[in-house]
N, C-alpha and C. Protein backbone atom coordinates (compact mmCIF):
# COMPACT_ATOMS: atom_id res chain seq x y z
N MET A 1 -10.21 -6.30 -16.97
CA MET A 1 -11.46 -5.77 -16.47
C MET A 1 -11.21 -4.95 -15.21
N ILE A 2 -11.84 -3.81 -15.13
CA ILE A 2 -11.74 -2.96 -13.95
C ILE A 2 -12.86 -3.34 -12.98
N GLU A 3 -12.47 -3.56 -11.74
CA GLU A 3 -13.44 -3.90 -10.70
C GLU A 3 -13.58 -2.71 -9.76
N VAL A 4 -14.79 -2.49 -9.29
CA VAL A 4 -15.04 -1.48 -8.27
C VAL A 4 -15.53 -2.22 -7.04
N VAL A 5 -14.82 -2.04 -5.93
CA VAL A 5 -15.20 -2.68 -4.68
C VAL A 5 -15.27 -1.63 -3.57
N CYS A 6 -16.10 -1.91 -2.59
CA CYS A 6 -16.16 -1.08 -1.38
C CYS A 6 -15.56 -1.91 -0.27
N GLY A 7 -14.51 -1.42 0.33
CA GLY A 7 -13.89 -2.19 1.39
C GLY A 7 -12.56 -1.63 1.83
N ASP A 8 -11.82 -2.49 2.51
CA ASP A 8 -10.53 -2.14 3.11
C ASP A 8 -9.41 -2.54 2.14
N ILE A 9 -8.74 -1.57 1.58
CA ILE A 9 -7.69 -1.84 0.61
C ILE A 9 -6.55 -2.67 1.22
N THR A 10 -6.35 -2.56 2.52
CA THR A 10 -5.25 -3.29 3.16
C THR A 10 -5.53 -4.79 3.24
N ALA A 11 -6.77 -5.20 3.01
CA ALA A 11 -7.14 -6.62 3.08
C ALA A 11 -7.12 -7.31 1.73
N LEU A 12 -6.89 -6.56 0.65
CA LEU A 12 -6.96 -7.14 -0.69
C LEU A 12 -5.73 -7.99 -1.01
N ASP A 13 -5.98 -9.16 -1.56
CA ASP A 13 -4.92 -10.07 -1.97
C ASP A 13 -4.61 -9.81 -3.45
N VAL A 14 -3.74 -8.84 -3.68
CA VAL A 14 -3.32 -8.44 -5.02
C VAL A 14 -1.80 -8.29 -5.02
N ASP A 15 -1.23 -8.17 -6.19
CA ASP A 15 0.22 -7.98 -6.26
C ASP A 15 0.64 -6.67 -5.61
N ALA A 16 -0.17 -5.61 -5.80
CA ALA A 16 0.19 -4.30 -5.23
C ALA A 16 -1.06 -3.51 -4.88
N ILE A 17 -0.96 -2.80 -3.77
CA ILE A 17 -1.96 -1.79 -3.46
C ILE A 17 -1.27 -0.44 -3.58
N VAL A 18 -2.04 0.56 -3.98
CA VAL A 18 -1.51 1.91 -4.13
C VAL A 18 -1.86 2.69 -2.87
N ASN A 19 -0.87 3.39 -2.37
CA ASN A 19 -1.03 4.23 -1.20
C ASN A 19 -1.12 5.69 -1.63
N ALA A 20 -2.18 6.36 -1.18
CA ALA A 20 -2.30 7.80 -1.39
C ALA A 20 -1.48 8.46 -0.29
N ALA A 21 -0.19 8.65 -0.57
CA ALA A 21 0.78 9.08 0.43
C ALA A 21 1.00 10.58 0.41
N ASN A 22 1.73 11.04 1.41
CA ASN A 22 2.21 12.42 1.38
C ASN A 22 3.66 12.40 0.87
N ASN A 23 4.23 13.57 0.67
CA ASN A 23 5.55 13.66 0.04
C ASN A 23 6.66 12.96 0.82
N SER A 24 6.51 12.83 2.13
CA SER A 24 7.56 12.19 2.93
C SER A 24 7.56 10.67 2.79
N LEU A 25 6.41 10.08 2.44
CA LEU A 25 6.19 8.63 2.39
C LEU A 25 6.30 7.98 3.77
N LEU A 26 6.22 8.78 4.83
CA LEU A 26 6.44 8.27 6.18
C LEU A 26 5.15 8.11 6.98
N GLY A 27 4.03 8.02 6.28
CA GLY A 27 2.76 7.80 6.95
C GLY A 27 1.99 9.09 7.17
N GLY A 28 0.71 8.94 7.44
CA GLY A 28 -0.16 10.09 7.65
C GLY A 28 -1.51 9.60 8.08
N GLY A 29 -2.53 10.31 7.68
CA GLY A 29 -3.90 9.93 8.03
C GLY A 29 -4.56 9.15 6.91
N GLY A 30 -5.82 8.88 7.09
CA GLY A 30 -6.62 8.23 6.06
C GLY A 30 -6.05 6.91 5.60
N VAL A 31 -6.11 6.68 4.30
CA VAL A 31 -5.64 5.41 3.73
C VAL A 31 -4.14 5.23 3.97
N ASP A 32 -3.39 6.32 3.96
CA ASP A 32 -1.94 6.26 4.20
C ASP A 32 -1.66 5.67 5.58
N GLY A 33 -2.32 6.18 6.60
CA GLY A 33 -2.14 5.66 7.95
C GLY A 33 -2.58 4.21 8.07
N ALA A 34 -3.70 3.88 7.42
CA ALA A 34 -4.22 2.51 7.47
C ALA A 34 -3.23 1.53 6.84
N ILE A 35 -2.65 1.91 5.71
CA ILE A 35 -1.67 1.04 5.04
C ILE A 35 -0.43 0.88 5.90
N HIS A 36 0.06 1.95 6.48
CA HIS A 36 1.24 1.86 7.34
C HIS A 36 0.98 0.98 8.56
N ARG A 37 -0.20 1.12 9.17
CA ARG A 37 -0.53 0.28 10.33
C ARG A 37 -0.60 -1.20 9.93
N ALA A 38 -1.24 -1.48 8.80
CA ALA A 38 -1.42 -2.88 8.37
C ALA A 38 -0.11 -3.50 7.88
N ALA A 39 0.75 -2.72 7.26
CA ALA A 39 2.02 -3.24 6.74
C ALA A 39 3.02 -3.48 7.85
N GLY A 40 2.92 -2.72 8.93
CA GLY A 40 3.84 -2.84 10.03
C GLY A 40 4.96 -1.82 9.95
N PRO A 41 5.77 -1.74 11.00
CA PRO A 41 6.82 -0.71 11.08
C PRO A 41 7.90 -0.85 10.00
N GLU A 42 7.99 -2.00 9.38
CA GLU A 42 9.00 -2.20 8.32
C GLU A 42 8.75 -1.27 7.13
N LEU A 43 7.47 -0.96 6.85
CA LEU A 43 7.18 -0.07 5.73
C LEU A 43 7.76 1.32 5.99
N LEU A 44 7.56 1.83 7.18
CA LEU A 44 8.12 3.14 7.53
C LEU A 44 9.64 3.11 7.41
N ALA A 45 10.26 2.06 7.97
CA ALA A 45 11.72 1.96 7.91
C ALA A 45 12.21 1.90 6.46
N PHE A 46 11.54 1.10 5.63
CA PHE A 46 11.94 1.00 4.22
C PHE A 46 11.76 2.35 3.51
N ASN A 47 10.60 2.97 3.73
CA ASN A 47 10.31 4.22 3.03
C ASN A 47 11.26 5.35 3.40
N ARG A 48 11.86 5.28 4.57
CA ARG A 48 12.86 6.29 4.94
C ARG A 48 14.01 6.30 3.94
N SER A 49 14.30 5.14 3.35
CA SER A 49 15.42 5.03 2.40
C SER A 49 15.07 5.57 1.01
N LEU A 50 13.79 5.88 0.77
CA LEU A 50 13.37 6.29 -0.58
C LEU A 50 13.53 7.78 -0.86
N GLY A 51 13.76 8.58 0.17
CA GLY A 51 13.99 10.01 -0.05
C GLY A 51 12.75 10.78 -0.44
N GLY A 52 11.57 10.31 -0.03
CA GLY A 52 10.34 11.02 -0.34
C GLY A 52 9.90 10.79 -1.78
N CYS A 53 8.88 11.55 -2.17
CA CYS A 53 8.30 11.38 -3.50
C CYS A 53 7.63 12.69 -3.91
N ARG A 54 7.82 13.09 -5.14
CA ARG A 54 7.20 14.32 -5.63
C ARG A 54 5.75 14.06 -6.04
N THR A 55 4.95 15.09 -5.98
CA THR A 55 3.54 15.00 -6.38
C THR A 55 3.45 14.51 -7.82
N GLY A 56 2.57 13.52 -8.04
CA GLY A 56 2.37 12.96 -9.37
C GLY A 56 3.27 11.79 -9.69
N GLU A 57 4.24 11.50 -8.83
CA GLU A 57 5.15 10.39 -9.05
C GLU A 57 4.80 9.23 -8.12
N ALA A 58 5.50 8.10 -8.27
CA ALA A 58 5.21 6.91 -7.48
C ALA A 58 6.51 6.17 -7.15
N LYS A 59 6.50 5.50 -5.99
CA LYS A 59 7.65 4.70 -5.56
C LYS A 59 7.16 3.36 -5.02
N LEU A 60 7.99 2.34 -5.15
CA LEU A 60 7.64 0.97 -4.80
C LEU A 60 8.29 0.53 -3.49
N SER A 61 7.51 -0.15 -2.67
CA SER A 61 7.98 -0.74 -1.42
C SER A 61 7.45 -2.17 -1.33
N PRO A 62 8.11 -3.01 -0.52
CA PRO A 62 7.52 -4.32 -0.23
C PRO A 62 6.22 -4.16 0.56
N GLY A 63 5.38 -5.18 0.55
CA GLY A 63 4.12 -5.13 1.28
C GLY A 63 4.24 -5.51 2.74
N PHE A 64 5.36 -6.11 3.14
CA PHE A 64 5.60 -6.52 4.52
C PHE A 64 4.44 -7.33 5.07
N SER A 65 3.69 -6.88 6.05
CA SER A 65 2.62 -7.67 6.68
C SER A 65 1.29 -7.63 5.94
N LEU A 66 1.23 -6.96 4.82
CA LEU A 66 0.00 -6.90 4.02
C LEU A 66 -0.18 -8.17 3.20
N PRO A 67 -1.41 -8.50 2.80
CA PRO A 67 -1.60 -9.58 1.83
C PRO A 67 -0.97 -9.24 0.48
N ALA A 68 -0.94 -7.96 0.14
CA ALA A 68 -0.33 -7.50 -1.12
C ALA A 68 1.19 -7.63 -1.02
N ARG A 69 1.81 -8.05 -2.12
CA ARG A 69 3.28 -8.19 -2.15
C ARG A 69 4.00 -6.85 -2.13
N HIS A 70 3.34 -5.82 -2.69
CA HIS A 70 3.99 -4.51 -2.82
C HIS A 70 3.03 -3.39 -2.43
N VAL A 71 3.63 -2.26 -2.07
CA VAL A 71 2.90 -1.01 -1.90
C VAL A 71 3.50 -0.02 -2.90
N ILE A 72 2.66 0.57 -3.70
CA ILE A 72 3.10 1.64 -4.59
C ILE A 72 2.55 2.94 -3.99
N SER A 73 3.46 3.77 -3.50
CA SER A 73 3.06 5.04 -2.90
C SER A 73 3.10 6.12 -3.96
N THR A 74 2.02 6.88 -4.04
CA THR A 74 1.96 8.00 -4.97
C THR A 74 1.42 9.21 -4.22
N VAL A 75 1.87 10.37 -4.62
CA VAL A 75 1.49 11.60 -3.94
C VAL A 75 0.56 12.40 -4.84
N GLY A 76 -0.69 12.47 -4.42
CA GLY A 76 -1.68 13.22 -5.18
C GLY A 76 -1.61 14.71 -4.88
N PRO A 77 -2.21 15.49 -5.77
CA PRO A 77 -2.21 16.93 -5.58
C PRO A 77 -3.26 17.38 -4.56
N VAL A 78 -2.94 18.45 -3.86
CA VAL A 78 -3.92 19.13 -3.02
C VAL A 78 -4.75 20.01 -3.95
N TRP A 79 -6.07 19.97 -3.80
CA TRP A 79 -6.98 20.73 -4.65
C TRP A 79 -6.94 22.20 -4.28
N HIS A 80 -6.65 23.06 -5.27
CA HIS A 80 -6.66 24.51 -5.09
C HIS A 80 -7.57 25.16 -6.12
N GLY A 81 -8.63 24.46 -6.53
CA GLY A 81 -9.56 25.02 -7.49
C GLY A 81 -9.38 24.49 -8.91
N GLY A 82 -8.36 23.73 -9.16
CA GLY A 82 -8.17 23.10 -10.46
C GLY A 82 -7.36 23.88 -11.46
N GLN A 83 -6.86 25.04 -11.07
CA GLN A 83 -6.12 25.87 -12.01
C GLN A 83 -4.60 25.78 -11.82
N GLN A 84 -4.16 24.87 -10.96
CA GLN A 84 -2.72 24.74 -10.69
C GLN A 84 -2.18 23.37 -11.12
N GLY A 85 -2.80 22.82 -12.17
CA GLY A 85 -2.34 21.55 -12.72
C GLY A 85 -2.80 20.33 -11.95
N GLU A 86 -3.78 20.50 -11.06
CA GLU A 86 -4.23 19.37 -10.24
C GLU A 86 -4.74 18.18 -11.07
N PRO A 87 -5.58 18.40 -12.11
CA PRO A 87 -6.04 17.24 -12.89
C PRO A 87 -4.89 16.48 -13.56
N GLU A 88 -3.93 17.19 -14.10
CA GLU A 88 -2.79 16.55 -14.76
C GLU A 88 -1.93 15.80 -13.74
N LEU A 89 -1.74 16.39 -12.56
CA LEU A 89 -0.96 15.72 -11.52
C LEU A 89 -1.66 14.46 -11.03
N LEU A 90 -2.99 14.52 -10.89
CA LEU A 90 -3.72 13.33 -10.46
C LEU A 90 -3.62 12.23 -11.51
N GLU A 91 -3.78 12.58 -12.76
CA GLU A 91 -3.62 11.59 -13.83
C GLU A 91 -2.22 10.98 -13.77
N SER A 92 -1.23 11.81 -13.53
CA SER A 92 0.15 11.33 -13.43
C SER A 92 0.32 10.33 -12.29
N CYS A 93 -0.41 10.50 -11.20
CA CYS A 93 -0.35 9.53 -10.09
C CYS A 93 -0.75 8.15 -10.58
N TYR A 94 -1.85 8.08 -11.32
CA TYR A 94 -2.33 6.78 -11.82
C TYR A 94 -1.38 6.21 -12.86
N VAL A 95 -0.96 7.03 -13.81
CA VAL A 95 -0.07 6.56 -14.88
C VAL A 95 1.28 6.13 -14.29
N SER A 96 1.85 6.93 -13.39
CA SER A 96 3.13 6.58 -12.77
C SER A 96 3.03 5.27 -12.00
N SER A 97 1.93 5.10 -11.27
CA SER A 97 1.72 3.86 -10.51
C SER A 97 1.59 2.66 -11.43
N LEU A 98 0.83 2.81 -12.49
CA LEU A 98 0.62 1.71 -13.43
C LEU A 98 1.90 1.37 -14.18
N GLU A 99 2.66 2.37 -14.57
CA GLU A 99 3.95 2.13 -15.26
C GLU A 99 4.94 1.46 -14.33
N LEU A 100 5.00 1.89 -13.08
CA LEU A 100 5.88 1.27 -12.09
C LEU A 100 5.49 -0.19 -11.87
N ALA A 101 4.19 -0.43 -11.80
CA ALA A 101 3.69 -1.80 -11.64
C ALA A 101 4.14 -2.68 -12.82
N LEU A 102 3.97 -2.19 -14.02
CA LEU A 102 4.37 -2.97 -15.20
C LEU A 102 5.87 -3.25 -15.19
N ALA A 103 6.65 -2.27 -14.77
CA ALA A 103 8.10 -2.45 -14.74
C ALA A 103 8.54 -3.52 -13.74
N HIS A 104 7.66 -3.84 -12.78
CA HIS A 104 7.99 -4.83 -11.76
C HIS A 104 7.12 -6.08 -11.86
N ASP A 105 6.56 -6.32 -13.04
CA ASP A 105 5.78 -7.51 -13.33
C ASP A 105 4.59 -7.68 -12.39
N ILE A 106 4.00 -6.58 -11.99
CA ILE A 106 2.80 -6.60 -11.15
C ILE A 106 1.60 -6.73 -12.08
N ARG A 107 0.78 -7.75 -11.85
CA ARG A 107 -0.35 -8.04 -12.74
C ARG A 107 -1.70 -7.68 -12.14
N SER A 108 -1.76 -7.48 -10.81
CA SER A 108 -3.01 -7.07 -10.18
C SER A 108 -2.71 -5.92 -9.23
N ILE A 109 -3.55 -4.88 -9.30
CA ILE A 109 -3.28 -3.65 -8.57
C ILE A 109 -4.60 -3.05 -8.09
N ALA A 110 -4.58 -2.47 -6.90
CA ALA A 110 -5.77 -1.82 -6.34
C ALA A 110 -5.44 -0.39 -5.97
N PHE A 111 -6.33 0.50 -6.34
CA PHE A 111 -6.18 1.93 -6.07
C PHE A 111 -7.23 2.42 -5.09
N PRO A 112 -6.86 3.32 -4.19
CA PRO A 112 -7.85 4.07 -3.42
C PRO A 112 -8.25 5.30 -4.24
N GLY A 113 -9.12 6.11 -3.70
CA GLY A 113 -9.46 7.39 -4.34
C GLY A 113 -8.39 8.41 -4.00
N ILE A 114 -7.41 8.54 -4.85
CA ILE A 114 -6.26 9.42 -4.60
C ILE A 114 -6.71 10.88 -4.57
N SER A 115 -6.27 11.60 -3.56
CA SER A 115 -6.50 13.05 -3.37
C SER A 115 -7.93 13.43 -3.01
N THR A 116 -8.83 12.46 -2.82
CA THR A 116 -10.23 12.81 -2.59
C THR A 116 -10.59 12.95 -1.11
N GLY A 117 -9.66 12.69 -0.23
CA GLY A 117 -9.91 12.86 1.21
C GLY A 117 -9.54 14.27 1.64
N VAL A 118 -8.59 14.37 2.55
CA VAL A 118 -8.21 15.68 3.08
C VAL A 118 -7.58 16.59 2.02
N TYR A 119 -7.12 16.03 0.88
CA TYR A 119 -6.55 16.86 -0.17
C TYR A 119 -7.63 17.57 -0.99
N GLY A 120 -8.89 17.18 -0.81
CA GLY A 120 -10.02 17.95 -1.31
C GLY A 120 -10.35 17.88 -2.79
N PHE A 121 -9.76 16.96 -3.53
CA PHE A 121 -10.05 16.87 -4.97
C PHE A 121 -11.51 16.45 -5.13
N PRO A 122 -12.29 17.14 -5.97
CA PRO A 122 -13.70 16.77 -6.16
C PRO A 122 -13.82 15.30 -6.62
N LYS A 123 -14.66 14.55 -5.91
CA LYS A 123 -14.73 13.10 -6.13
C LYS A 123 -15.16 12.72 -7.54
N GLU A 124 -16.13 13.44 -8.11
CA GLU A 124 -16.58 13.07 -9.47
C GLU A 124 -15.48 13.27 -10.49
N GLN A 125 -14.81 14.39 -10.43
CA GLN A 125 -13.72 14.67 -11.36
C GLN A 125 -12.58 13.67 -11.16
N ALA A 126 -12.27 13.36 -9.90
CA ALA A 126 -11.21 12.39 -9.61
C ALA A 126 -11.57 11.01 -10.14
N ALA A 127 -12.83 10.62 -10.01
CA ALA A 127 -13.27 9.30 -10.49
C ALA A 127 -13.11 9.20 -12.01
N VAL A 128 -13.45 10.25 -12.72
CA VAL A 128 -13.30 10.25 -14.19
C VAL A 128 -11.83 10.10 -14.56
N ILE A 129 -10.96 10.85 -13.91
CA ILE A 129 -9.52 10.76 -14.19
C ILE A 129 -9.01 9.35 -13.89
N ALA A 130 -9.43 8.81 -12.74
CA ALA A 130 -8.98 7.47 -12.33
C ALA A 130 -9.43 6.41 -13.33
N ILE A 131 -10.71 6.41 -13.66
CA ILE A 131 -11.25 5.38 -14.56
C ILE A 131 -10.62 5.48 -15.94
N ARG A 132 -10.45 6.67 -16.46
CA ARG A 132 -9.81 6.82 -17.78
C ARG A 132 -8.38 6.27 -17.77
N ALA A 133 -7.64 6.58 -16.72
CA ALA A 133 -6.25 6.07 -16.64
C ALA A 133 -6.26 4.56 -16.54
N MET A 134 -7.12 4.02 -15.69
CA MET A 134 -7.20 2.56 -15.54
C MET A 134 -7.58 1.90 -16.86
N GLN A 135 -8.53 2.47 -17.58
CA GLN A 135 -8.95 1.89 -18.85
C GLN A 135 -7.83 1.89 -19.88
N SER A 136 -6.97 2.88 -19.84
CA SER A 136 -5.89 2.94 -20.83
C SER A 136 -4.83 1.86 -20.58
N TYR A 137 -4.85 1.25 -19.39
CA TYR A 137 -3.90 0.18 -19.05
C TYR A 137 -4.57 -1.16 -18.85
N GLU A 138 -5.87 -1.21 -18.96
CA GLU A 138 -6.66 -2.39 -18.62
C GLU A 138 -6.16 -3.67 -19.28
N ALA A 139 -5.82 -3.61 -20.54
CA ALA A 139 -5.42 -4.81 -21.28
C ALA A 139 -4.06 -5.36 -20.82
N ARG A 140 -3.31 -4.57 -20.08
CA ARG A 140 -1.96 -4.98 -19.67
C ARG A 140 -1.91 -5.58 -18.26
N PHE A 141 -3.06 -5.67 -17.61
CA PHE A 141 -3.15 -6.20 -16.25
C PHE A 141 -4.20 -7.31 -16.18
N GLU A 142 -4.04 -8.21 -15.22
CA GLU A 142 -5.07 -9.22 -14.96
C GLU A 142 -6.24 -8.60 -14.19
N ARG A 143 -5.92 -7.72 -13.24
CA ARG A 143 -6.95 -7.06 -12.43
C ARG A 143 -6.52 -5.65 -12.11
N ILE A 144 -7.45 -4.72 -12.26
CA ILE A 144 -7.28 -3.36 -11.76
C ILE A 144 -8.52 -3.09 -10.91
N ILE A 145 -8.29 -2.73 -9.67
CA ILE A 145 -9.38 -2.53 -8.73
C ILE A 145 -9.42 -1.09 -8.26
N ALA A 146 -10.61 -0.50 -8.29
CA ALA A 146 -10.85 0.78 -7.64
C ALA A 146 -11.49 0.42 -6.30
N CYS A 147 -10.73 0.57 -5.22
CA CYS A 147 -11.20 0.19 -3.89
C CYS A 147 -11.71 1.45 -3.19
N CYS A 148 -13.00 1.51 -3.00
CA CYS A 148 -13.64 2.70 -2.45
C CYS A 148 -13.91 2.55 -0.95
N PHE A 149 -13.82 3.65 -0.25
CA PHE A 149 -13.99 3.67 1.19
C PHE A 149 -15.46 3.56 1.59
N SER A 150 -16.35 4.12 0.77
CA SER A 150 -17.78 4.09 1.09
C SER A 150 -18.57 3.54 -0.08
N GLU A 151 -19.77 3.08 0.21
CA GLU A 151 -20.65 2.57 -0.86
C GLU A 151 -21.03 3.71 -1.80
N ALA A 152 -21.16 4.93 -1.28
CA ALA A 152 -21.47 6.08 -2.15
C ALA A 152 -20.35 6.32 -3.15
N ASP A 153 -19.11 6.22 -2.70
CA ASP A 153 -17.97 6.38 -3.61
C ASP A 153 -17.94 5.25 -4.64
N ALA A 154 -18.22 4.02 -4.19
CA ALA A 154 -18.24 2.88 -5.11
C ALA A 154 -19.32 3.07 -6.18
N ALA A 155 -20.49 3.57 -5.78
CA ALA A 155 -21.57 3.82 -6.74
C ALA A 155 -21.13 4.86 -7.77
N LEU A 156 -20.42 5.89 -7.31
CA LEU A 156 -19.91 6.92 -8.22
C LEU A 156 -18.93 6.31 -9.22
N TYR A 157 -18.00 5.50 -8.75
CA TYR A 157 -17.03 4.87 -9.65
C TYR A 157 -17.72 3.93 -10.64
N ARG A 158 -18.73 3.18 -10.18
CA ARG A 158 -19.45 2.29 -11.09
C ARG A 158 -20.17 3.10 -12.17
N GLU A 159 -20.75 4.22 -11.79
CA GLU A 159 -21.45 5.08 -12.75
C GLU A 159 -20.47 5.64 -13.78
N VAL A 160 -19.32 6.12 -13.31
CA VAL A 160 -18.30 6.67 -14.22
C VAL A 160 -17.78 5.57 -15.14
N LEU A 161 -17.57 4.39 -14.60
CA LEU A 161 -17.08 3.26 -15.40
C LEU A 161 -18.08 2.91 -16.49
N GLN A 162 -19.35 2.89 -16.15
CA GLN A 162 -20.39 2.58 -17.12
C GLN A 162 -20.46 3.66 -18.21
N GLU A 163 -20.37 4.91 -17.81
CA GLU A 163 -20.44 6.03 -18.76
C GLU A 163 -19.25 6.05 -19.71
N HIS A 164 -18.10 5.57 -19.28
CA HIS A 164 -16.89 5.64 -20.09
C HIS A 164 -16.49 4.29 -20.69
N SER A 165 -17.42 3.35 -20.70
CA SER A 165 -17.12 2.04 -21.31
C SER A 165 -17.50 2.02 -22.78
């Protein structure tokens, strides 16, 4: 079952939280900065050894000081109007994260709204891509959570989930 919650992804007690990271994996603003602050400096030190990450791909780190055992960092696309493969790259973020989770016996996972902050991906289109990807893996996980920053975003995800059920 896919759950939609409004809250702080860094506080969730799940096997893995997904970080909407930049290509360096060395921290940034928004959810990326929040995850790095909550995980502690060990996440930055560990991620230095990963050699970055390409857009649409995902890499695994320990959760360090987080309640979550792991952090899966994925790099979403910057929105340039949708004609440069942005929808496919965003879908790849979800699929890559979910496949990486399965490969490491992760049974519960929480996602933020990837690329919908400063990267500018339209929230409605991103929610549809996210929910469809989550639904295609739903039976293989105990919990998949869409963790939204605002109640408005959570309402959008709930609406998309209902429409695509």
